[in-house]
PDB file of N, CA and C in Angstrom:
ATOM      1  N   MET A   1       2.978  62.203 -28.058  1.00  0.00           N
ATOM      2  CA  MET A   1       2.190  61.575 -27.011  1.00  0.00           C
ATOM      3  C   MET A   1       2.606  62.158 -25.656  1.00  0.00           C
ATOM      4  N   LYS A   2       1.646  62.515 -24.853  1.00  0.00           N
ATOM      5  CA  LYS A   2       1.918  63.109 -23.542  1.00  0.00           C
ATOM      6  C   LYS A   2       2.254  62.036 -22.509  1.00  0.00           C
ATOM      7  N   THR A   3       3.146  62.397 -21.608  1.00  0.00           N
ATOM      8  CA  THR A   3       3.467  61.505 -20.499  1.00  0.00           C
ATOM      9  C   THR A   3       2.329  61.564 -19.482  1.00  0.00           C
ATOM     10  N   ILE A   4       2.373  60.686 -18.509  1.00  0.00           N
ATOM     11  CA  ILE A   4       1.333  60.683 -17.465  1.00  0.00           C
ATOM     12  C   ILE A   4       1.337  62.006 -16.703  1.00  0.00           C
ATOM     13  N   ALA A   5       2.521  62.482 -16.323  1.00  0.00           N
ATOM     14  CA  ALA A   5       2.606  63.750 -15.589  1.00  0.00           C
ATOM     15  C   ALA A   5       2.075  64.906 -16.424  1.00  0.00           C
ATOM     16  N   GLN A   6       2.338  64.909 -17.719  1.00  0.00           N
ATOM     17  CA  GLN A   6       1.819  65.960 -18.595  1.00  0.00           C
ATOM     18  C   GLN A   6       0.300  65.890 -18.693  1.00  0.00           C
ATOM     19  N   GLN A   7      -0.236  64.679 -18.783  1.00  0.00           N
ATOM     20  CA  GLN A   7      -1.689  64.508 -18.843  1.00  0.00           C
ATOM     21  C   GLN A   7      -2.365  64.987 -17.565  1.00  0.00           C
ATOM     22  N   LEU A   8      -1.689  64.789 -16.429  1.00  0.00           N
ATOM     23  CA  LEU A   8      -2.246  65.185 -15.134  1.00  0.00           C
ATOM     24  C   LEU A   8      -1.878  66.617 -14.755  1.00  0.00           C
ATOM     25  N   ASN A   9      -1.097  67.273 -15.615  1.00  0.00           N
ATOM     26  CA  ASN A   9      -0.658  68.649 -15.385  1.00  0.00           C
ATOM     27  C   ASN A   9       0.155  68.779 -14.089  1.00  0.00           C
ATOM     28  N   VAL A  10       1.013  67.792 -13.843  1.00  0.00           N
ATOM     29  CA  VAL A  10       1.870  67.779 -12.660  1.00  0.00           C
ATOM     30  C   VAL A  10       2.948  68.845 -12.809  1.00  0.00           C
ATOM     31  N   LYS A  11       3.214  69.568 -11.738  1.00  0.00           N
ATOM     32  CA  LYS A  11       4.219  70.631 -11.756  1.00  0.00           C
ATOM     33  C   LYS A  11       5.402  70.343 -10.838  1.00  0.00           C
ATOM     34  N   GLU A  12       5.257  69.405  -9.915  1.00  0.00           N
ATOM     35  CA  GLU A  12       6.330  69.077  -8.979  1.00  0.00           C
ATOM     36  C   GLU A  12       6.938  67.728  -9.341  1.00  0.00           C
ATOM     37  N   PHE A  13       8.260  67.718  -9.469  1.00  0.00           N
ATOM     38  CA  PHE A  13       8.973  66.516  -9.866  1.00  0.00           C
ATOM     39  C   PHE A  13      10.061  66.193  -8.849  1.00  0.00           C
ATOM     40  N   PRO A  14      10.461  64.953  -8.762  1.00  0.00           N
ATOM     41  CA  PRO A  14      10.003  63.860  -9.601  1.00  0.00           C
ATOM     42  C   PRO A  14       8.570  63.439  -9.248  1.00  0.00           C
ATOM     43  N   PHE A  15       7.874  62.912 -10.241  1.00  0.00           N
ATOM     44  CA  PHE A  15       6.520  62.391 -10.077  1.00  0.00           C
ATOM     45  C   PHE A  15       6.650  60.879  -9.970  1.00  0.00           C
ATOM     46  N   GLU A  16       6.081  60.319  -8.913  1.00  0.00           N
ATOM     47  CA  GLU A  16       6.243  58.892  -8.669  1.00  0.00           C
ATOM     48  C   GLU A  16       4.921  58.286  -8.231  1.00  0.00           C
ATOM     49  N   VAL A  17       4.626  57.093  -8.750  1.00  0.00           N
ATOM     50  CA  VAL A  17       3.428  56.343  -8.362  1.00  0.00           C
ATOM     51  C   VAL A  17       3.904  55.035  -7.759  1.00  0.00           C
ATOM     52  N   LYS A  18       3.346  54.691  -6.593  1.00  0.00           N
ATOM     53  CA  LYS A  18       3.706  53.443  -5.914  1.00  0.00           C
ATOM     54  C   LYS A  18       2.469  52.567  -5.775  1.00  0.00           C
ATOM     55  N   ASP A  19       2.686  51.269  -5.718  1.00  0.00           N
ATOM     56  CA  ASP A  19       1.571  50.350  -5.514  1.00  0.00           C
ATOM     57  C   ASP A  19       1.258  50.232  -4.018  1.00  0.00           C
ATOM     58  N   SER A  20       0.312  49.393  -3.674  1.00  0.00           N
ATOM     59  CA  SER A  20      -0.111  49.264  -2.279  1.00  0.00           C
ATOM     60  C   SER A  20       0.973  48.675  -1.383  1.00  0.00           C
ATOM     61  N   GLN A  21       2.001  48.083  -1.984  1.00  0.00           N
ATOM     62  CA  GLN A  21       3.120  47.524  -1.228  1.00  0.00           C
ATOM     63  C   GLN A  21       4.280  48.515  -1.092  1.00  0.00           C
ATOM     64  N   GLY A  22       4.102  49.713  -1.633  1.00  0.00           N
ATOM     65  CA  GLY A  22       5.140  50.728  -1.545  1.00  0.00           C
ATOM     66  C   GLY A  22       6.207  50.645  -2.627  1.00  0.00           C
ATOM     67  N   ARG A  23       5.982  49.790  -3.621  1.00  0.00           N
ATOM     68  CA  ARG A  23       6.945  49.638  -4.709  1.00  0.00           C
ATOM     69  C   ARG A  23       6.649  50.655  -5.806  1.00  0.00           C
ATOM     70  N   THR A  24       7.702  51.240  -6.366  1.00  0.00           N
ATOM     71  CA  THR A  24       7.533  52.190  -7.458  1.00  0.00           C
ATOM     72  C   THR A  24       7.033  51.462  -8.692  1.00  0.00           C
ATOM     73  N   ILE A  25       5.931  51.942  -9.263  1.00  0.00           N
ATOM     74  CA  ILE A  25       5.437  51.369 -10.509  1.00  0.00           C
ATOM     75  C   ILE A  25       5.556  52.371 -11.662  1.00  0.00           C
ATOM     76  N   TYR A  26       5.760  53.649 -11.326  1.00  0.00           N
ATOM     77  CA  TYR A  26       5.966  54.663 -12.360  1.00  0.00           C
ATOM     78  C   TYR A  26       6.770  55.805 -11.766  1.00  0.00           C
ATOM     79  N   TYR A  27       7.733  56.300 -12.552  1.00  0.00           N
ATOM     80  CA  TYR A  27       8.566  57.419 -12.135  1.00  0.00           C
ATOM     81  C   TYR A  27       8.776  58.309 -13.355  1.00  0.00           C
ATOM     82  N   GLU A  28       8.700  59.624 -13.130  1.00  0.00           N
ATOM     83  CA  GLU A  28       8.938  60.566 -14.222  1.00  0.00           C
ATOM     84  C   GLU A  28       9.677  61.781 -13.687  1.00  0.00           C
ATOM     85  N   ASN A  29      10.650  62.280 -14.469  1.00  0.00           N
ATOM     86  CA  ASN A  29      11.353  63.490 -14.050  1.00  0.00           C
ATOM     87  C   ASN A  29      10.833  64.701 -14.835  1.00  0.00           C
ATOM     88  N   SER A  30      11.352  65.871 -14.529  1.00  0.00           N
ATOM     89  CA  SER A  30      10.853  67.117 -15.120  1.00  0.00           C
ATOM     90  C   SER A  30      11.152  67.248 -16.611  1.00  0.00           C
ATOM     91  N   LYS A  31      12.036  66.412 -17.127  1.00  0.00           N
ATOM     92  CA  LYS A  31      12.362  66.459 -18.560  1.00  0.00           C
ATOM     93  C   LYS A  31      11.519  65.489 -19.375  1.00  0.00           C
ATOM     94  N   GLY A  32      10.601  64.796 -18.718  1.00  0.00           N
ATOM     95  CA  GLY A  32       9.712  63.869 -19.417  1.00  0.00           C
ATOM     96  C   GLY A  32      10.235  62.447 -19.512  1.00  0.00           C
ATOM     97  N   PHE A  33      11.430  62.182 -18.949  1.00  0.00           N
ATOM     98  CA  PHE A  33      11.933  60.813 -18.932  1.00  0.00           C
ATOM     99  C   PHE A  33      11.152  60.020 -17.893  1.00  0.00           C
ATOM    100  N   TRP A  34      10.688  58.838 -18.269  1.00  0.00           N
ATOM    101  CA  TRP A  34       9.931  58.018 -17.339  1.00  0.00           C
ATOM    102  C   TRP A  34      10.394  56.570 -17.403  1.00  0.00           C
ATOM    103  N   TYR A  35      10.081  55.840 -16.345  1.00  0.00           N
ATOM    104  CA  TYR A  35      10.221  54.392 -16.353  1.00  0.00           C
ATOM    105  C   TYR A  35       9.082  53.803 -15.544  1.00  0.00           C
ATOM    106  N   LYS A  36       8.753  52.562 -15.863  1.00  0.00           N
ATOM    107  CA  LYS A  36       7.679  51.879 -15.142  1.00  0.00           C
ATOM    108  C   LYS A  36       8.080  50.438 -14.860  1.00  0.00           C
ATOM    109  N   TYR A  37       7.514  49.920 -13.793  1.00  0.00           N
ATOM    110  CA  TYR A  37       7.774  48.557 -13.345  1.00  0.00           C
ATOM    111  C   TYR A  37       6.450  47.814 -13.184  1.00  0.00           C
ATOM    112  N   GLU A  38       6.526  46.483 -13.366  1.00  0.00           N
ATOM    113  CA  GLU A  38       5.427  45.590 -13.012  1.00  0.00           C
ATOM    114  C   GLU A  38       6.022  44.488 -12.148  1.00  0.00           C
ATOM    115  N   TYR A  39       5.228  43.982 -11.210  1.00  0.00           N
ATOM    116  CA  TYR A  39       5.685  42.962 -10.271  1.00  0.00           C
ATOM    117  C   TYR A  39       4.718  41.787 -10.268  1.00  0.00           C
ATOM    118  N   ASP A  40       5.224  40.590  -9.962  1.00  0.00           N
ATOM    119  CA  ASP A  40       4.338  39.442  -9.814  1.00  0.00           C
ATOM    120  C   ASP A  40       3.763  39.423  -8.392  1.00  0.00           C
ATOM    121  N   SER A  41       2.952  38.424  -8.093  1.00  0.00           N
ATOM    122  CA  SER A  41       2.295  38.358  -6.779  1.00  0.00           C
ATOM    123  C   SER A  41       3.277  38.147  -5.629  1.00  0.00           C
ATOM    124  N   GLN A  42       4.502  37.731  -5.941  1.00  0.00           N
ATOM    125  CA  GLN A  42       5.528  37.541  -4.915  1.00  0.00           C
ATOM    126  C   GLN A  42       6.411  38.772  -4.739  1.00  0.00           C
ATOM    127  N   GLY A  43       6.147  39.828  -5.515  1.00  0.00           N
ATOM    128  CA  GLY A  43       6.928  41.055  -5.412  1.00  0.00           C
ATOM    129  C   GLY A  43       8.159  41.099  -6.303  1.00  0.00           C
ATOM    130  N   ASN A  44       8.319  40.092  -7.170  1.00  0.00           N
ATOM    131  CA  ASN A  44       9.451  40.079  -8.095  1.00  0.00           C
ATOM    132  C   ASN A  44       9.165  40.994  -9.285  1.00  0.00           C
ATOM    133  N   GLU A  45      10.171  41.730  -9.706  1.00  0.00           N
ATOM    134  CA  GLU A  45      10.019  42.591 -10.883  1.00  0.00           C
ATOM    135  C   GLU A  45       9.902  41.716 -12.126  1.00  0.00           C
ATOM    136  N   ILE A  46       8.795  41.857 -12.864  1.00  0.00           N
ATOM    137  CA  ILE A  46       8.611  41.041 -14.066  1.00  0.00           C
ATOM    138  C   ILE A  46       8.679  41.869 -15.345  1.00  0.00           C
ATOM    139  N   TYR A  47       8.594  43.197 -15.225  1.00  0.00           N
ATOM    140  CA  TYR A  47       8.685  44.033 -16.417  1.00  0.00           C
ATOM    141  C   TYR A  47       9.204  45.407 -16.033  1.00  0.00           C
ATOM    142  N   TYR A  48      10.043  45.950 -16.902  1.00  0.00           N
ATOM    143  CA  TYR A  48      10.613  47.279 -16.724  1.00  0.00           C
ATOM    144  C   TYR A  48      10.683  47.914 -18.102  1.00  0.00           C
ATOM    145  N   GLU A  49      10.294  49.171 -18.195  1.00  0.00           N
ATOM    146  CA  GLU A  49      10.317  49.875 -19.472  1.00  0.00           C
ATOM    147  C   GLU A  49      10.661  51.339 -19.232  1.00  0.00           C
ATOM    148  N   THR A  50      11.404  51.944 -20.177  1.00  0.00           N
ATOM    149  CA  THR A  50      11.743  53.356 -20.077  1.00  0.00           C
ATOM    150  C   THR A  50      11.225  54.107 -21.290  1.00  0.00           C
ATOM    151  N   SER A  51      11.162  55.419 -21.153  1.00  0.00           N
ATOM    152  CA  SER A  51      10.676  56.263 -22.245  1.00  0.00           C
ATOM    153  C   SER A  51      11.622  56.267 -23.445  1.00  0.00           C
ATOM    154  N   ASN A  52      12.839  55.822 -23.276  1.00  0.00           N
ATOM    155  CA  ASN A  52      13.753  55.775 -24.417  1.00  0.00           C
ATOM    156  C   ASN A  52      13.733  54.420 -25.123  1.00  0.00           C
ATOM    157  N   GLY A  53      12.731  53.606 -24.808  1.00  0.00           N
ATOM    158  CA  GLY A  53      12.515  52.355 -25.538  1.00  0.00           C
ATOM    159  C   GLY A  53      13.184  51.120 -24.975  1.00  0.00           C
ATOM    160  N   ARG A  54      13.879  51.251 -23.888  1.00  0.00           N
ATOM    161  CA  ARG A  54      14.514  50.077 -23.286  1.00  0.00           C
ATOM    162  C   ARG A  54      13.488  49.320 -22.441  1.00  0.00           C
ATOM    163  N   TRP A  55      13.586  48.009 -22.411  1.00  0.00           N
ATOM    164  CA  TRP A  55      12.680  47.190 -21.617  1.00  0.00           C
ATOM    165  C   TRP A  55      13.384  45.900 -21.192  1.00  0.00           C
ATOM    166  N   ARG A  56      12.799  45.265 -20.180  1.00  0.00           N
ATOM    167  CA  ARG A  56      13.307  44.002 -19.660  1.00  0.00           C
ATOM    168  C   ARG A  56      12.120  43.237 -19.084  1.00  0.00           C
ATOM    169  N   LYS A  57      12.034  41.954 -19.372  1.00  0.00           N
ATOM    170  CA  LYS A  57      10.997  41.135 -18.741  1.00  0.00           C
ATOM    171  C   LYS A  57      11.627  39.896 -18.136  1.00  0.00           C
ATOM    172  N   SER A  58      11.048  39.446 -17.026  1.00  0.00           N
ATOM    173  CA  SER A  58      11.637  38.365 -16.245  1.00  0.00           C
ATOM    174  C   SER A  58      10.563  37.408 -15.748  1.00  0.00           C
ATOM    175  N   GLU A  59      10.995  36.178 -15.472  1.00  0.00           N
ATOM    176  CA  GLU A  59      10.146  35.179 -14.817  1.00  0.00           C
ATOM    177  C   GLU A  59      10.942  34.571 -13.679  1.00  0.00           C
ATOM    178  N   TYR A  60      10.233  34.091 -12.649  1.00  0.00           N
ATOM    179  CA  TYR A  60      10.865  33.544 -11.456  1.00  0.00           C
ATOM    180  C   TYR A  60      10.233  32.213 -11.091  1.00  0.00           C
ATOM    181  N   ASP A  61      10.989  31.360 -10.413  1.00  0.00           N
ATOM    182  CA  ASP A  61      10.423  30.114  -9.912  1.00  0.00           C
ATOM    183  C   ASP A  61       9.760  30.366  -8.557  1.00  0.00           C
ATOM    184  N   SER A  62       9.234  29.316  -7.949  1.00  0.00           N
ATOM    185  CA  SER A  62       8.494  29.471  -6.685  1.00  0.00           C
ATOM    186  C   SER A  62       9.384  29.902  -5.521  1.00  0.00           C
ATOM    187  N   GLN A  63      10.706  29.769  -5.654  1.00  0.00           N
ATOM    188  CA  GLN A  63      11.627  30.218  -4.618  1.00  0.00           C
ATOM    189  C   GLN A  63      12.129  31.643  -4.878  1.00  0.00           C
ATOM    190  N   GLY A  64      11.621  32.295  -5.927  1.00  0.00           N
ATOM    191  CA  GLY A  64      12.027  33.661  -6.240  1.00  0.00           C
ATOM    192  C   GLY A  64      13.323  33.752  -7.032  1.00  0.00           C
ATOM    193  N   LYS A  65      13.782  32.631  -7.551  1.00  0.00           N
ATOM    194  CA  LYS A  65      15.012  32.602  -8.346  1.00  0.00           C
ATOM    195  C   LYS A  65      14.653  32.875  -9.810  1.00  0.00           C
ATOM    196  N   ILE A  66      15.414  33.755 -10.455  1.00  0.00           N
ATOM    197  CA  ILE A  66      15.111  34.117 -11.835  1.00  0.00           C
ATOM    198  C   ILE A  66      15.344  32.927 -12.769  1.00  0.00           C
ATOM    199  N   THR A  67      14.354  32.652 -13.614  1.00  0.00           N
ATOM    200  CA  THR A  67      14.458  31.536 -14.552  1.00  0.00           C
ATOM    201  C   THR A  67      14.456  32.008 -16.004  1.00  0.00           C
ATOM    202  N   TYR A  68      14.033  33.246 -16.245  1.00  0.00           N
ATOM    203  CA  TYR A  68      13.979  33.761 -17.613  1.00  0.00           C
ATOM    204  C   TYR A  68      14.189  35.268 -17.583  1.00  0.00           C
ATOM    205  N   LEU A  69      14.997  35.739 -18.513  1.00  0.00           N
ATOM    206  CA  LEU A  69      15.241  37.172 -18.639  1.00  0.00           C
ATOM    207  C   LEU A  69      15.417  37.496 -20.114  1.00  0.00           C
ATOM    208  N   GLU A  70      14.729  38.511 -20.563  1.00  0.00           N
ATOM    209  CA  GLU A  70      14.846  38.986 -21.944  1.00  0.00           C
ATOM    210  C   GLU A  70      14.855  40.504 -21.904  1.00  0.00           C
ATOM    211  N   ASN A  71      15.668  41.135 -22.788  1.00  0.00           N
ATOM    212  CA  ASN A  71      15.689  42.597 -22.788  1.00  0.00           C
ATOM    213  C   ASN A  71      15.671  43.166 -24.197  1.00  0.00           C
ATOM    214  N   SER A  72      15.572  44.475 -24.275  1.00  0.00           N
ATOM    215  CA  SER A  72      15.447  45.171 -25.553  1.00  0.00           C
ATOM    216  C   SER A  72      16.713  45.098 -26.398  1.00  0.00           C
ATOM    217  N   ASP A  73      17.824  44.668 -25.819  1.00  0.00           N
ATOM    218  CA  ASP A  73      19.056  44.475 -26.588  1.00  0.00           C
ATOM    219  C   ASP A  73      19.069  43.118 -27.300  1.00  0.00           C
ATOM    220  N   GLY A  74      18.060  42.300 -27.026  1.00  0.00           N
ATOM    221  CA  GLY A  74      17.988  40.978 -27.638  1.00  0.00           C
ATOM    222  C   GLY A  74      18.637  39.886 -26.809  1.00  0.00           C
ATOM    223  N   ASP A  75      19.093  40.221 -25.614  1.00  0.00           N
ATOM    224  CA  ASP A  75      19.695  39.218 -24.727  1.00  0.00           C
ATOM    225  C   ASP A  75      18.597  38.360 -24.110  1.00  0.00           C
ATOM    226  N   ILE A  76      18.823  37.048 -24.094  1.00  0.00           N
ATOM    227  CA  ILE A  76      17.866  36.119 -23.494  1.00  0.00           C
ATOM    228  C   ILE A  76      18.629  35.131 -22.619  1.00  0.00           C
ATOM    229  N   MET A  77      18.144  34.929 -21.400  1.00  0.00           N
ATOM    230  CA  MET A  77      18.663  33.913 -20.499  1.00  0.00           C
ATOM    231  C   MET A  77      17.452  33.058 -20.130  1.00  0.00           C
ATOM    232  N   ASP A  78      17.493  31.787 -20.478  1.00  0.00           N
ATOM    233  CA  ASP A  78      16.342  30.918 -20.249  1.00  0.00           C
ATOM    234  C   ASP A  78      16.767  29.676 -19.481  1.00  0.00           C
ATOM    235  N   LYS A  79      16.390  29.622 -18.203  1.00  0.00           N
ATOM    236  CA  LYS A  79      16.678  28.465 -17.351  1.00  0.00           C
ATOM    237  C   LYS A  79      15.381  27.829 -16.864  1.00  0.00           C
ATOM    238  N   ARG A  80      14.295  28.060 -17.610  1.00  0.00           N
ATOM    239  CA  ARG A  80      13.017  27.466 -17.224  1.00  0.00           C
ATOM    240  C   ARG A  80      13.058  25.956 -17.430  1.00  0.00           C
ATOM    241  N   PRO A  81      12.426  25.212 -16.545  1.00  0.00           N
ATOM    242  CA  PRO A  81      12.403  23.750 -16.718  1.00  0.00           C
ATOM    243  C   PRO A  81      11.550  23.382 -17.933  1.00  0.00           C
ATOM    244  N   THR A  82      11.906  22.276 -18.553  1.00  0.00           N
ATOM    245  CA  THR A  82      11.130  21.799 -19.703  1.00  0.00           C
ATOM    246  C   THR A  82      10.457  20.482 -19.350  1.00  0.00           C
ATOM    247  N   CYS A  83       9.551  20.060 -20.175  1.00  0.00           N
ATOM    248  CA  CYS A  83       8.847  18.789 -19.986  1.00  0.00           C
ATOM    249  C   CYS A  83       9.469  17.682 -20.831  1.00  0.00           C
ATOM    250  N   GLU A  84      10.458  18.024 -21.634  1.00  0.00           N
ATOM    251  CA  GLU A  84      11.094  17.052 -22.534  1.00  0.00           C
ATOM    252  C   GLU A  84      11.539  15.812 -21.776  1.00  0.00           C
ATOM    253  N   GLY A  85      11.121  14.653 -22.280  1.00  0.00           N
ATOM    254  CA  GLY A  85      11.535  13.379 -21.689  1.00  0.00           C
ATOM    255  C   GLY A  85      10.669  12.910 -20.540  1.00  0.00           C
ATOM    256  N   LYS A  86       9.794  13.740 -20.038  1.00  0.00           N
ATOM    257  CA  LYS A  86       8.913  13.347 -18.945  1.00  0.00           C
ATOM    258  C   LYS A  86       7.728  12.578 -19.519  1.00  0.00           C
ATOM    259  N   THR A  87       7.044  11.851 -18.656  1.00  0.00           N
ATOM    260  CA  THR A  87       5.891  11.076 -19.102  1.00  0.00           C
ATOM    261  C   THR A  87       4.634  11.516 -18.373  1.00  0.00           C
ATOM    262  N   VAL A  88       3.514  11.230 -18.995  1.00  0.00           N
ATOM    263  CA  VAL A  88       2.220  11.516 -18.395  1.00  0.00           C
ATOM    264  C   VAL A  88       1.300  10.327 -18.694  1.00  0.00           C
ATOM    265  N   ASP A  89       0.491   9.927 -17.724  1.00  0.00           N
ATOM    266  CA  ASP A  89      -0.459   8.829 -17.909  1.00  0.00           C
ATOM    267  C   ASP A  89      -1.852   9.396 -18.087  1.00  0.00           C
ATOM    268  N   ILE A  90      -2.483   8.992 -19.184  1.00  0.00           N
ATOM    269  CA  ILE A  90      -3.853   9.407 -19.464  1.00  0.00           C
ATOM    270  C   ILE A  90      -4.653   8.160 -19.790  1.00  0.00           C
ATOM    271  N   ASP A  91      -5.684   7.911 -18.998  1.00  0.00           N
ATOM    272  CA  ASP A  91      -6.543   6.729 -19.176  1.00  0.00           C
ATOM    273  C   ASP A  91      -5.740   5.439 -19.295  1.00  0.00           C
ATOM    274  N   GLY A  92      -4.711   5.318 -18.447  1.00  0.00           N
ATOM    275  CA  GLY A  92      -3.923   4.095 -18.416  1.00  0.00           C
ATOM    276  C   GLY A  92      -2.856   3.982 -19.497  1.00  0.00           C
ATOM    277  N   ILE A  93      -2.739   4.968 -20.329  1.00  0.00           N
ATOM    278  CA  ILE A  93      -1.722   4.952 -21.382  1.00  0.00           C
ATOM    279  C   ILE A  93      -0.656   5.972 -21.019  1.00  0.00           C
ATOM    280  N   THR A  94       0.620   5.548 -21.114  1.00  0.00           N
ATOM    281  CA  THR A  94       1.735   6.430 -20.795  1.00  0.00           C
ATOM    282  C   THR A  94       2.249   7.077 -22.069  1.00  0.00           C
ATOM    283  N   TYR A  95       2.349   8.404 -22.022  1.00  0.00           N
ATOM    284  CA  TYR A  95       2.849   9.178 -23.160  1.00  0.00           C
ATOM    285  C   TYR A  95       4.149   9.861 -22.748  1.00  0.00           C
ATOM    286  N   LYS A  96       5.128   9.824 -23.659  1.00  0.00           N
ATOM    287  CA  LYS A  96       6.388  10.520 -23.419  1.00  0.00           C
ATOM    288  C   LYS A  96       6.307  11.897 -24.072  1.00  0.00           C
ATOM    289  N   LEU A  97       6.662  12.939 -23.319  1.00  0.00           N
ATOM    290  CA  LEU A  97       6.592  14.285 -23.837  1.00  0.00           C
ATOM    291  C   LEU A  97       7.865  14.615 -24.625  1.00  0.00           C
ATOM    292  N   VAL A  98       7.679  15.237 -25.766  1.00  0.00           N
ATOM    293  CA  VAL A  98       8.793  15.640 -26.609  1.00  0.00           C
ATOM    294  C   VAL A  98       8.621  17.099 -26.992  1.00  0.00           C
ATOM    295  N   LYS A  99       9.729  17.739 -27.263  1.00  0.00           N
ATOM    296  CA  LYS A  99       9.711  19.138 -27.680  1.00  0.00           C
ATOM    297  C   LYS A  99       9.306  19.198 -29.157  1.00  0.00           C
ATOM    298  N   VAL A 100       8.388  20.095 -29.482  1.00  0.00           N
ATOM    299  CA  VAL A 100       7.974  20.257 -30.886  1.00  0.00           C
ATOM    300  C   VAL A 100       8.443  21.559 -31.443  1.00  0.00           C
TER     301      VAL A 100
END
């Protein structure tokens, strides 16, 4: 499978693509090694992947603090809030939320 630079017949390296905010979303060197990034609407990195199969995905709270991280090594850090034990009222009836 050809890399993006190979498909575009790029001859000058490093080859880099940036988004409208100036953040790198794709980088490739002359040996064909590449990495790519994805960002959320707040500019937080939510995904990273390399040509050698490594990857990382992340989630953030509204203050930009990381709440979830998972990577290709199988490491997971999960500090996302849960609904367990909270209640919700629907048509005058209160329901307690439980984890399934």
